[in-house]
Each structure stands twice: as C-alpha cells, then as structure tokens.
Amino acid sequence: MDLHQLQVSYQAEEDRLLFRASFKAEDGTLQELRAWITRRLLRVLWPAILQTLETQVRLDKPQAAHASADIVGMDHHASIEHIRDTGNFDTYYETEISHFPLGEAPLLITSVNFAQHADQPVRINFSPADSGGFELSFTLVMLHGFCSLIREAANMAEWDIALEMPGALGATAAGLHLLN
C-alpha cells in the first residue's frame, strides 16, 4: 500500500494532536492509521525529526555535511513550495475510510524511532506504551510536509513550543525577514 494522505489536527477536547495517515489499497479503497501526539511527545519528536533531517543530508551529500543545518532549511523551504505548487496542502483529507487496520481509536504514541539510510526514505516507527504501533516511510518532501502540518497544528494548540527549522531559510519561511 502506498501512503495517500497525511493530516495533523489539534483536538481541543483531548488537548492532543490527532495524526491520521491514509493508504490506498490495490482495490482503490482507503485504509487509515490514527495516533495521538501529546505535547510531551512533540517536545521529543521535533528535535528528533530535525536531527534525522540533518543526518539524512550527511548521508546523501557527505561533501555538504558541514552545512547540513542550512541545507535542511533550504530543503524545507523548497519542499513546502513544491507541495503548495502541486496543490497538496489545498486538498481536503478524504474521510471515506473503509478499513482501520489498528482500530478506529487513535493509538496513544509514547515513543518514536527513526531508521535511515543514504538515498532511502526515512522510516519512522510510532509506538504506544503497550505492544503494536506502526511504521511509515517518508520521502524527504513528505517529511518536510509532515513538519509543516505538525507546526500548524501545534500553533493551533497554543502549546508555546518553538518548532523552528534550522538554517536561514527556515527562519525566513517562518515569517522573519533578514536584511543583508
């Protein structure tokens, strides 16, 4: 199954972020995985994602390892522009889900683990306290899009967690203007 859509939304009544990932089955039906991202988990998840992005730069472009933070910022800006240009941020999340492999109730995620290799998608394993969980593969563009969704939902939550991208373009993309 191929990843079809991602959504991260703030659920005020739970004071959590609801993460939804849908997949298209071979017969065209949609399947969905659901997970809660708490404020506590987000404080661990965000730096881990940033570290993963910088590590991926060092794996994919060893000659540019010295500038990995700046490259992550530039890649983030380029990825978000690409996603916007293709209209993917404007596409509504499809809700006609036919199957929930892990159940309709979201899993309460307590830990995440990353696996990465040169020129390969980043794999993130989302695990609840008990057994189970799920693993998703993210291309770098998808991972940057996921970061944008997380940032937007966390801003809605008003958790006062600084979710900044590294590098100069990450700061300007967040609304800061720099003069040279």
N, C-alpha and C. Protein backbone atom coordinates (compact mmCIF):
# COMPACT_ATOMS: atom_id res chain seq x y z
N MET A 1 0.85 -1.19 0.00
CA MET A 1 0.00 0.00 0.00
C MET A 1 0.89 1.24 0.00
N ASP A 2 0.41 2.24 -0.71
CA ASP A 2 1.14 3.50 -0.78
C ASP A 2 0.47 4.54 0.09
N LEU A 3 1.29 5.34 0.75
CA LEU A 3 0.78 6.44 1.55
C LEU A 3 0.01 7.38 0.65
N HIS A 4 -1.21 7.71 1.05
CA HIS A 4 -2.08 8.55 0.24
C HIS A 4 -2.13 9.98 0.77
N GLN A 5 -2.47 10.15 2.05
CA GLN A 5 -2.59 11.47 2.64
C GLN A 5 -2.16 11.44 4.10
N LEU A 6 -1.72 12.60 4.58
CA LEU A 6 -1.41 12.80 5.99
C LEU A 6 -2.23 13.98 6.49
N GLN A 7 -2.62 13.90 7.76
CA GLN A 7 -3.30 15.03 8.39
C GLN A 7 -2.87 15.08 9.85
N VAL A 8 -2.61 16.29 10.33
CA VAL A 8 -2.34 16.52 11.74
C VAL A 8 -3.25 17.67 12.15
N SER A 9 -4.11 17.42 13.14
CA SER A 9 -5.05 18.45 13.58
C SER A 9 -5.08 18.49 15.10
N TYR A 10 -5.33 19.68 15.62
CA TYR A 10 -5.42 19.85 17.06
C TYR A 10 -6.84 19.50 17.51
N GLN A 11 -6.95 18.66 18.53
CA GLN A 11 -8.24 18.27 19.10
C GLN A 11 -8.31 18.88 20.50
N ALA A 12 -9.00 20.02 20.62
CA ALA A 12 -9.02 20.79 21.87
C ALA A 12 -9.56 19.98 23.04
N GLU A 13 -10.59 19.18 22.80
CA GLU A 13 -11.19 18.43 23.91
C GLU A 13 -10.24 17.39 24.48
N GLU A 14 -9.27 16.95 23.70
CA GLU A 14 -8.25 16.00 24.16
C GLU A 14 -6.94 16.70 24.50
N ASP A 15 -6.79 17.94 24.05
CA ASP A 15 -5.53 18.69 24.14
C ASP A 15 -4.38 17.86 23.59
N ARG A 16 -4.62 17.30 22.40
CA ARG A 16 -3.64 16.46 21.71
C ARG A 16 -3.73 16.74 20.22
N LEU A 17 -2.68 16.34 19.53
CA LEU A 17 -2.71 16.39 18.08
C LEU A 17 -3.14 15.02 17.56
N LEU A 18 -4.09 15.03 16.64
CA LEU A 18 -4.53 13.79 16.01
C LEU A 18 -3.80 13.65 14.69
N PHE A 19 -3.01 12.59 14.58
CA PHE A 19 -2.26 12.29 13.36
C PHE A 19 -2.99 11.17 12.63
N ARG A 20 -3.32 11.43 11.38
CA ARG A 20 -4.00 10.44 10.55
C ARG A 20 -3.20 10.22 9.27
N ALA A 21 -3.03 8.97 8.91
CA ALA A 21 -2.34 8.60 7.67
C ALA A 21 -3.23 7.63 6.91
N SER A 22 -3.53 7.96 5.66
CA SER A 22 -4.37 7.06 4.87
C SER A 22 -3.56 6.43 3.74
N PHE A 23 -4.00 5.25 3.36
CA PHE A 23 -3.33 4.46 2.34
C PHE A 23 -4.37 3.97 1.36
N LYS A 24 -4.01 3.91 0.09
CA LYS A 24 -4.89 3.35 -0.92
C LYS A 24 -4.53 1.89 -1.12
N ALA A 25 -5.53 1.04 -0.96
CA ALA A 25 -5.33 -0.38 -1.22
C ALA A 25 -5.38 -0.62 -2.72
N GLU A 26 -5.01 -1.80 -3.15
CA GLU A 26 -4.99 -2.13 -4.58
C GLU A 26 -6.37 -2.00 -5.21
N ASP A 27 -7.43 -2.22 -4.41
CA ASP A 27 -8.79 -2.11 -4.95
C ASP A 27 -9.31 -0.68 -4.93
N GLY A 28 -8.46 0.28 -4.52
CA GLY A 28 -8.84 1.69 -4.52
C GLY A 28 -9.47 2.18 -3.23
N THR A 29 -9.75 1.29 -2.28
CA THR A 29 -10.34 1.71 -1.01
C THR A 29 -9.26 2.34 -0.12
N LEU A 30 -9.72 3.15 0.81
CA LEU A 30 -8.79 3.82 1.72
C LEU A 30 -8.75 3.13 3.07
N GLN A 31 -7.53 3.01 3.60
CA GLN A 31 -7.32 2.50 4.94
C GLN A 31 -6.62 3.59 5.73
N GLU A 32 -6.85 3.63 7.04
CA GLU A 32 -6.30 4.72 7.83
C GLU A 32 -5.71 4.23 9.14
N LEU A 33 -4.58 4.85 9.52
CA LEU A 33 -3.97 4.68 10.82
C LEU A 33 -4.14 5.99 11.57
N ARG A 34 -4.44 5.89 12.87
CA ARG A 34 -4.64 7.08 13.69
C ARG A 34 -3.77 7.02 14.93
N ALA A 35 -3.26 8.18 15.33
CA ALA A 35 -2.41 8.24 16.51
C ALA A 35 -2.54 9.59 17.18
N TRP A 36 -2.40 9.58 18.51
CA TRP A 36 -2.35 10.83 19.27
C TRP A 36 -0.90 11.24 19.43
N ILE A 37 -0.63 12.53 19.25
CA ILE A 37 0.67 13.11 19.56
C ILE A 37 0.44 14.10 20.69
N THR A 38 1.00 13.81 21.84
CA THR A 38 0.84 14.68 23.00
C THR A 38 1.89 15.78 22.98
N ARG A 39 1.68 16.77 23.81
CA ARG A 39 2.64 17.86 23.95
C ARG A 39 3.99 17.30 24.39
N ARG A 40 3.95 16.37 25.32
CA ARG A 40 5.18 15.76 25.83
C ARG A 40 5.93 15.03 24.72
N LEU A 41 5.22 14.26 23.90
CA LEU A 41 5.86 13.55 22.80
C LEU A 41 6.41 14.53 21.77
N LEU A 42 5.67 15.58 21.49
CA LEU A 42 6.11 16.55 20.49
C LEU A 42 7.44 17.19 20.89
N ARG A 43 7.63 17.41 22.18
CA ARG A 43 8.88 18.01 22.67
C ARG A 43 10.08 17.09 22.40
N VAL A 44 9.83 15.80 22.25
CA VAL A 44 10.89 14.83 21.92
C VAL A 44 10.93 14.60 20.41
N LEU A 45 9.76 14.54 19.78
CA LEU A 45 9.66 14.24 18.36
C LEU A 45 10.30 15.31 17.49
N TRP A 46 10.04 16.58 17.79
CA TRP A 46 10.54 17.66 16.91
C TRP A 46 12.07 17.66 16.81
N PRO A 47 12.80 17.67 17.93
CA PRO A 47 14.27 17.64 17.78
C PRO A 47 14.76 16.37 17.08
N ALA A 48 14.06 15.26 17.28
CA ALA A 48 14.46 14.02 16.62
C ALA A 48 14.26 14.12 15.11
N ILE A 49 13.19 14.75 14.68
CA ILE A 49 12.97 14.94 13.24
C ILE A 49 14.07 15.83 12.66
N LEU A 50 14.38 16.93 13.36
CA LEU A 50 15.42 17.84 12.86
C LEU A 50 16.77 17.13 12.77
N GLN A 51 17.10 16.35 13.80
CA GLN A 51 18.35 15.59 13.78
C GLN A 51 18.36 14.60 12.62
N THR A 52 17.22 13.96 12.39
CA THR A 52 17.10 13.00 11.29
C THR A 52 17.30 13.68 9.95
N LEU A 53 16.70 14.86 9.77
CA LEU A 53 16.86 15.59 8.52
C LEU A 53 18.32 15.97 8.28
N GLU A 54 19.00 16.43 9.33
CA GLU A 54 20.42 16.79 9.19
C GLU A 54 21.27 15.54 8.92
N THR A 55 20.96 14.45 9.58
CA THR A 55 21.70 13.21 9.34
C THR A 55 21.49 12.75 7.91
N GLN A 56 20.27 12.89 7.39
CA GLN A 56 19.98 12.47 6.03
C GLN A 56 20.80 13.29 5.03
N VAL A 57 20.99 14.58 5.30
CA VAL A 57 21.84 15.41 4.43
C VAL A 57 23.26 14.85 4.44
N ARG A 58 23.78 14.52 5.63
CA ARG A 58 25.14 13.98 5.73
C ARG A 58 25.27 12.63 5.03
N LEU A 59 24.20 11.82 5.06
CA LEU A 59 24.22 10.52 4.38
C LEU A 59 24.14 10.69 2.86
N ASP A 60 23.25 11.57 2.40
CA ASP A 60 23.01 11.73 0.97
C ASP A 60 24.04 12.62 0.29
N LYS A 61 24.58 13.60 1.03
CA LYS A 61 25.52 14.57 0.46
C LYS A 61 26.70 14.76 1.41
N PRO A 62 27.55 13.76 1.56
CA PRO A 62 28.64 13.87 2.54
C PRO A 62 29.54 15.07 2.31
N GLN A 63 29.69 15.50 1.07
CA GLN A 63 30.53 16.66 0.79
C GLN A 63 29.94 17.95 1.35
N ALA A 64 28.65 17.96 1.70
CA ALA A 64 27.99 19.15 2.23
C ALA A 64 27.65 19.00 3.71
N ALA A 65 28.23 18.03 4.38
CA ALA A 65 27.90 17.76 5.78
C ALA A 65 28.12 18.96 6.67
N HIS A 66 29.10 19.79 6.36
CA HIS A 66 29.39 20.97 7.17
C HIS A 66 28.25 21.99 7.16
N ALA A 67 27.38 21.92 6.17
CA ALA A 67 26.27 22.89 6.05
C ALA A 67 24.92 22.21 6.18
N SER A 68 24.86 21.09 6.90
CA SER A 68 23.62 20.30 6.94
C SER A 68 22.44 21.09 7.49
N ALA A 69 22.63 21.93 8.49
CA ALA A 69 21.51 22.70 9.05
C ALA A 69 20.97 23.68 8.02
N ASP A 70 21.86 24.37 7.31
CA ASP A 70 21.40 25.31 6.28
C ASP A 70 20.71 24.58 5.14
N ILE A 71 21.23 23.42 4.77
CA ILE A 71 20.62 22.64 3.69
C ILE A 71 19.23 22.17 4.10
N VAL A 72 19.07 21.75 5.36
CA VAL A 72 17.74 21.35 5.84
C VAL A 72 16.77 22.51 5.71
N GLY A 73 17.20 23.71 6.09
CA GLY A 73 16.34 24.89 5.96
C GLY A 73 15.96 25.16 4.52
N MET A 74 16.93 25.08 3.61
CA MET A 74 16.65 25.30 2.19
C MET A 74 15.76 24.20 1.63
N ASP A 75 16.05 22.94 1.99
CA ASP A 75 15.22 21.82 1.52
C ASP A 75 13.79 21.96 2.03
N HIS A 76 13.65 22.42 3.28
CA HIS A 76 12.30 22.59 3.84
C HIS A 76 11.53 23.63 3.02
N HIS A 77 12.16 24.75 2.78
CA HIS A 77 11.52 25.81 2.01
C HIS A 77 11.13 25.30 0.62
N ALA A 78 12.05 24.64 -0.07
CA ALA A 78 11.79 24.11 -1.41
C ALA A 78 10.69 23.05 -1.39
N SER A 79 10.70 22.18 -0.38
CA SER A 79 9.68 21.12 -0.28
C SER A 79 8.30 21.70 -0.05
N ILE A 80 8.20 22.70 0.83
CA ILE A 80 6.91 23.31 1.12
C ILE A 80 6.39 24.05 -0.11
N GLU A 81 7.28 24.73 -0.82
CA GLU A 81 6.86 25.41 -2.06
C GLU A 81 6.37 24.38 -3.08
N HIS A 82 7.07 23.25 -3.19
CA HIS A 82 6.65 22.20 -4.12
C HIS A 82 5.27 21.66 -3.75
N ILE A 83 5.07 21.41 -2.48
CA ILE A 83 3.77 20.89 -2.02
C ILE A 83 2.67 21.91 -2.31
N ARG A 84 2.94 23.18 -2.03
CA ARG A 84 1.95 24.23 -2.33
C ARG A 84 1.67 24.33 -3.82
N ASP A 85 2.73 24.31 -4.63
CA ASP A 85 2.58 24.43 -6.08
C ASP A 85 1.77 23.29 -6.67
N THR A 86 1.89 22.11 -6.10
CA THR A 86 1.13 20.96 -6.62
C THR A 86 -0.27 20.89 -6.03
N GLY A 87 -0.58 21.81 -5.11
CA GLY A 87 -1.93 21.88 -4.55
C GLY A 87 -2.22 20.88 -3.46
N ASN A 88 -1.19 20.19 -2.96
CA ASN A 88 -1.45 19.15 -1.98
C ASN A 88 -1.89 19.68 -0.63
N PHE A 89 -1.49 20.91 -0.26
CA PHE A 89 -1.96 21.47 1.01
C PHE A 89 -3.42 21.91 0.90
N ASP A 90 -3.89 22.14 -0.33
CA ASP A 90 -5.26 22.59 -0.54
C ASP A 90 -6.25 21.43 -0.69
N THR A 91 -5.75 20.21 -0.81
CA THR A 91 -6.61 19.05 -1.00
C THR A 91 -7.17 18.62 0.35
N TYR A 92 -8.49 18.50 0.43
CA TYR A 92 -9.12 18.07 1.67
C TYR A 92 -8.77 16.61 1.96
N TYR A 93 -8.63 16.32 3.23
CA TYR A 93 -8.35 14.96 3.65
C TYR A 93 -9.59 14.11 3.38
N GLU A 94 -9.40 13.02 2.67
CA GLU A 94 -10.53 12.15 2.32
C GLU A 94 -10.97 11.36 3.55
N THR A 95 -12.27 11.38 3.80
CA THR A 95 -12.80 10.74 5.01
C THR A 95 -13.56 9.44 4.73
N GLU A 96 -13.63 9.03 3.49
CA GLU A 96 -14.33 7.78 3.14
C GLU A 96 -13.41 6.59 3.36
N ILE A 97 -13.14 6.33 4.62
CA ILE A 97 -12.22 5.25 5.00
C ILE A 97 -13.00 3.95 5.12
N SER A 98 -12.47 2.88 4.51
CA SER A 98 -13.18 1.61 4.55
C SER A 98 -12.62 0.65 5.59
N HIS A 99 -11.38 0.90 6.05
CA HIS A 99 -10.78 -0.06 6.97
C HIS A 99 -9.78 0.66 7.88
N PHE A 100 -9.78 0.27 9.15
CA PHE A 100 -8.84 0.80 10.14
C PHE A 100 -8.03 -0.37 10.68
N PRO A 101 -6.86 -0.67 10.09
CA PRO A 101 -6.10 -1.86 10.47
C PRO A 101 -5.77 -1.94 11.96
N LEU A 102 -5.59 -0.80 12.63
CA LEU A 102 -5.27 -0.81 14.06
C LEU A 102 -6.44 -0.33 14.92
N GLY A 103 -7.61 -0.26 14.33
CA GLY A 103 -8.80 0.19 15.04
C GLY A 103 -9.09 1.67 14.79
N GLU A 104 -10.34 2.06 15.07
CA GLU A 104 -10.74 3.45 14.84
C GLU A 104 -10.21 4.39 15.92
N ALA A 105 -10.01 3.88 17.12
CA ALA A 105 -9.49 4.72 18.21
C ALA A 105 -8.00 4.99 17.97
N PRO A 106 -7.58 6.25 18.05
CA PRO A 106 -6.16 6.56 17.85
C PRO A 106 -5.29 5.91 18.91
N LEU A 107 -4.09 5.48 18.50
CA LEU A 107 -3.10 4.95 19.44
C LEU A 107 -2.45 6.12 20.16
N LEU A 108 -2.22 5.96 21.44
CA LEU A 108 -1.50 6.98 22.21
C LEU A 108 -0.01 6.68 22.09
N ILE A 109 0.65 7.45 21.24
CA ILE A 109 2.07 7.21 20.94
C ILE A 109 2.93 7.73 22.09
N THR A 110 3.85 6.88 22.56
CA THR A 110 4.74 7.28 23.65
C THR A 110 6.19 7.34 23.22
N SER A 111 6.52 6.73 22.07
CA SER A 111 7.90 6.82 21.59
C SER A 111 7.92 6.70 20.07
N VAL A 112 8.98 7.26 19.51
CA VAL A 112 9.20 7.17 18.07
C VAL A 112 10.65 6.76 17.85
N ASN A 113 10.86 5.97 16.82
CA ASN A 113 12.22 5.54 16.45
C ASN A 113 12.39 5.77 14.96
N PHE A 114 13.57 6.19 14.58
CA PHE A 114 13.87 6.52 13.20
C PHE A 114 14.87 5.53 12.63
N ALA A 115 14.69 5.19 11.36
CA ALA A 115 15.65 4.36 10.63
C ALA A 115 15.91 5.07 9.31
N GLN A 116 17.19 5.23 9.00
CA GLN A 116 17.52 5.93 7.77
C GLN A 116 18.80 5.39 7.16
N HIS A 117 18.83 5.49 5.83
CA HIS A 117 19.98 5.06 5.04
C HIS A 117 20.13 6.04 3.89
N ALA A 118 21.32 6.10 3.33
CA ALA A 118 21.58 7.01 2.22
C ALA A 118 20.62 6.74 1.07
N ASP A 119 20.08 7.82 0.53
CA ASP A 119 19.21 7.79 -0.65
C ASP A 119 17.99 6.89 -0.48
N GLN A 120 17.50 6.78 0.73
CA GLN A 120 16.30 5.99 1.03
C GLN A 120 15.31 6.84 1.82
N PRO A 121 14.01 6.53 1.73
CA PRO A 121 13.06 7.24 2.57
C PRO A 121 13.36 7.01 4.06
N VAL A 122 13.03 7.98 4.87
CA VAL A 122 13.18 7.87 6.33
C VAL A 122 12.02 7.06 6.86
N ARG A 123 12.31 6.08 7.68
CA ARG A 123 11.25 5.27 8.29
C ARG A 123 11.10 5.70 9.75
N ILE A 124 9.84 5.96 10.12
CA ILE A 124 9.55 6.35 11.50
C ILE A 124 8.60 5.32 12.08
N ASN A 125 8.99 4.75 13.21
CA ASN A 125 8.16 3.79 13.93
C ASN A 125 7.48 4.53 15.07
N PHE A 126 6.16 4.56 15.06
CA PHE A 126 5.35 5.20 16.09
C PHE A 126 4.85 4.10 17.02
N SER A 127 5.23 4.17 18.31
CA SER A 127 4.91 3.09 19.24
C SER A 127 4.12 3.58 20.44
N PRO A 128 3.05 2.86 20.80
CA PRO A 128 2.36 3.14 22.06
C PRO A 128 3.10 2.45 23.21
N ALA A 129 2.67 2.68 24.44
CA ALA A 129 3.32 2.07 25.60
C ALA A 129 3.22 0.55 25.56
N ASP A 130 2.08 0.04 25.13
CA ASP A 130 1.94 -1.41 25.00
C ASP A 130 2.49 -1.83 23.64
N SER A 131 2.37 -3.06 23.29
CA SER A 131 2.91 -3.53 22.02
C SER A 131 2.11 -2.97 20.85
N GLY A 132 2.67 -3.12 19.70
CA GLY A 132 1.97 -2.66 18.49
C GLY A 132 2.63 -1.42 17.93
N GLY A 133 1.82 -0.59 17.34
CA GLY A 133 2.32 0.60 16.68
C GLY A 133 2.39 0.38 15.19
N PHE A 134 3.04 1.32 14.52
CA PHE A 134 3.15 1.23 13.07
C PHE A 134 4.37 2.00 12.61
N GLU A 135 4.81 1.67 11.40
CA GLU A 135 5.97 2.34 10.81
C GLU A 135 5.55 2.93 9.48
N LEU A 136 5.98 4.16 9.23
CA LEU A 136 5.72 4.83 7.96
C LEU A 136 7.03 5.22 7.32
N SER A 137 7.07 5.17 6.00
CA SER A 137 8.22 5.64 5.24
C SER A 137 7.90 7.01 4.67
N PHE A 138 8.82 7.96 4.87
CA PHE A 138 8.64 9.32 4.40
C PHE A 138 9.75 9.68 3.42
N THR A 139 9.38 10.11 2.22
CA THR A 139 10.38 10.76 1.38
C THR A 139 10.73 12.06 2.08
N LEU A 140 11.81 12.71 1.69
CA LEU A 140 12.18 13.95 2.35
C LEU A 140 11.12 15.03 2.14
N VAL A 141 10.53 15.10 0.95
CA VAL A 141 9.46 16.09 0.71
C VAL A 141 8.28 15.81 1.64
N MET A 142 7.91 14.54 1.77
CA MET A 142 6.80 14.18 2.67
C MET A 142 7.14 14.51 4.12
N LEU A 143 8.38 14.27 4.53
CA LEU A 143 8.77 14.54 5.90
C LEU A 143 8.74 16.04 6.18
N HIS A 144 9.17 16.85 5.22
CA HIS A 144 9.07 18.30 5.38
C HIS A 144 7.60 18.73 5.43
N GLY A 145 6.76 18.11 4.63
CA GLY A 145 5.32 18.40 4.68
C GLY A 145 4.73 18.02 6.03
N PHE A 146 5.15 16.88 6.56
CA PHE A 146 4.71 16.44 7.89
C PHE A 146 5.12 17.47 8.94
N CYS A 147 6.35 17.98 8.81
CA CYS A 147 6.83 19.02 9.73
C CYS A 147 5.92 20.25 9.67
N SER A 148 5.55 20.64 8.48
CA SER A 148 4.68 21.80 8.32
C SER A 148 3.31 21.56 8.96
N LEU A 149 2.77 20.36 8.78
CA LEU A 149 1.48 20.02 9.39
C LEU A 149 1.57 20.04 10.92
N ILE A 150 2.66 19.51 11.45
CA ILE A 150 2.87 19.50 12.91
C ILE A 150 2.96 20.93 13.43
N ARG A 151 3.74 21.76 12.75
CA ARG A 151 3.91 23.15 13.19
C ARG A 151 2.57 23.88 13.22
N GLU A 152 1.79 23.71 12.17
CA GLU A 152 0.49 24.38 12.08
C GLU A 152 -0.44 23.91 13.20
N ALA A 153 -0.50 22.61 13.44
CA ALA A 153 -1.38 22.07 14.48
C ALA A 153 -0.90 22.50 15.87
N ALA A 154 0.41 22.50 16.10
CA ALA A 154 0.94 22.93 17.40
C ALA A 154 0.68 24.41 17.64
N ASN A 155 0.72 25.22 16.59
CA ASN A 155 0.35 26.63 16.74
C ASN A 155 -1.11 26.78 17.14
N MET A 156 -1.97 25.97 16.55
CA MET A 156 -3.40 25.98 16.92
C MET A 156 -3.58 25.58 18.38
N ALA A 157 -2.74 24.66 18.85
CA ALA A 157 -2.83 24.17 20.23
C ALA A 157 -2.36 25.22 21.24
N GLU A 158 -1.59 26.19 20.78
CA GLU A 158 -1.04 27.22 21.65
C GLU A 158 -0.23 26.61 22.80
N TRP A 159 0.61 25.64 22.46
CA TRP A 159 1.43 24.98 23.45
C TRP A 159 2.72 25.73 23.75
N ASP A 160 2.98 26.80 23.04
CA ASP A 160 4.19 27.60 23.23
C ASP A 160 5.47 26.76 23.12
N ILE A 161 5.52 25.94 22.10
CA ILE A 161 6.72 25.17 21.80
C ILE A 161 7.29 25.74 20.50
N ALA A 162 8.54 26.16 20.54
CA ALA A 162 9.17 26.71 19.35
C ALA A 162 9.54 25.57 18.40
N LEU A 163 8.85 25.50 17.29
CA LEU A 163 9.11 24.47 16.29
C LEU A 163 9.72 25.15 15.06
N GLU A 164 10.99 25.44 15.16
CA GLU A 164 11.69 26.15 14.09
C GLU A 164 12.53 25.19 13.27
N MET A 165 12.64 25.51 11.99
CA MET A 165 13.53 24.76 11.12
C MET A 165 14.91 25.40 11.18
N PRO A 166 15.97 24.62 11.08
CA PRO A 166 17.32 25.20 11.11
C PRO A 166 17.63 25.93 9.82
N GLY A 167 18.67 26.71 9.86
CA GLY A 167 19.13 27.42 8.67
C GLY A 167 18.39 28.71 8.45
N ALA A 168 18.98 29.59 7.69
CA ALA A 168 18.42 30.92 7.44
C ALA A 168 17.08 30.87 6.73
N LEU A 169 16.92 29.99 5.74
CA LEU A 169 15.65 29.95 5.02
C LEU A 169 14.54 29.41 5.89
N GLY A 170 14.87 28.54 6.85
CA GLY A 170 13.85 28.07 7.78
C GLY A 170 13.29 29.22 8.58
N ALA A 171 14.14 30.15 9.00
CA ALA A 171 13.69 31.31 9.77
C ALA A 171 12.89 32.25 8.90
N THR A 172 13.31 32.50 7.66
CA THR A 172 12.55 33.40 6.81
C THR A 172 11.23 32.78 6.41
N ALA A 173 11.21 31.48 6.25
CA ALA A 173 9.94 30.81 5.90
C ALA A 173 8.96 30.92 7.06
N ALA A 174 9.48 31.06 8.29
CA ALA A 174 8.59 31.19 9.45
C ALA A 174 8.10 32.62 9.62
N GLY A 175 8.49 33.52 8.74
CA GLY A 175 7.96 34.86 8.78
C GLY A 175 8.96 35.93 9.18
N LEU A 176 10.19 35.56 9.49
CA LEU A 176 11.20 36.55 9.84
C LEU A 176 11.85 37.05 8.55
N HIS A 177 12.17 38.32 8.53
CA HIS A 177 12.83 38.90 7.36
C HIS A 177 14.23 39.33 7.75
N LEU A 178 15.19 38.96 6.96
CA LEU A 178 16.57 39.30 7.23
C LEU A 178 17.06 40.29 6.19
N LEU A 179 17.86 41.24 6.63
CA LEU A 179 18.48 42.19 5.74
C LEU A 179 19.95 41.85 5.61
N ASN A 180 20.46 41.92 4.40
CA ASN A 180 21.88 41.68 4.18
C ASN A 180 22.56 42.99 3.87
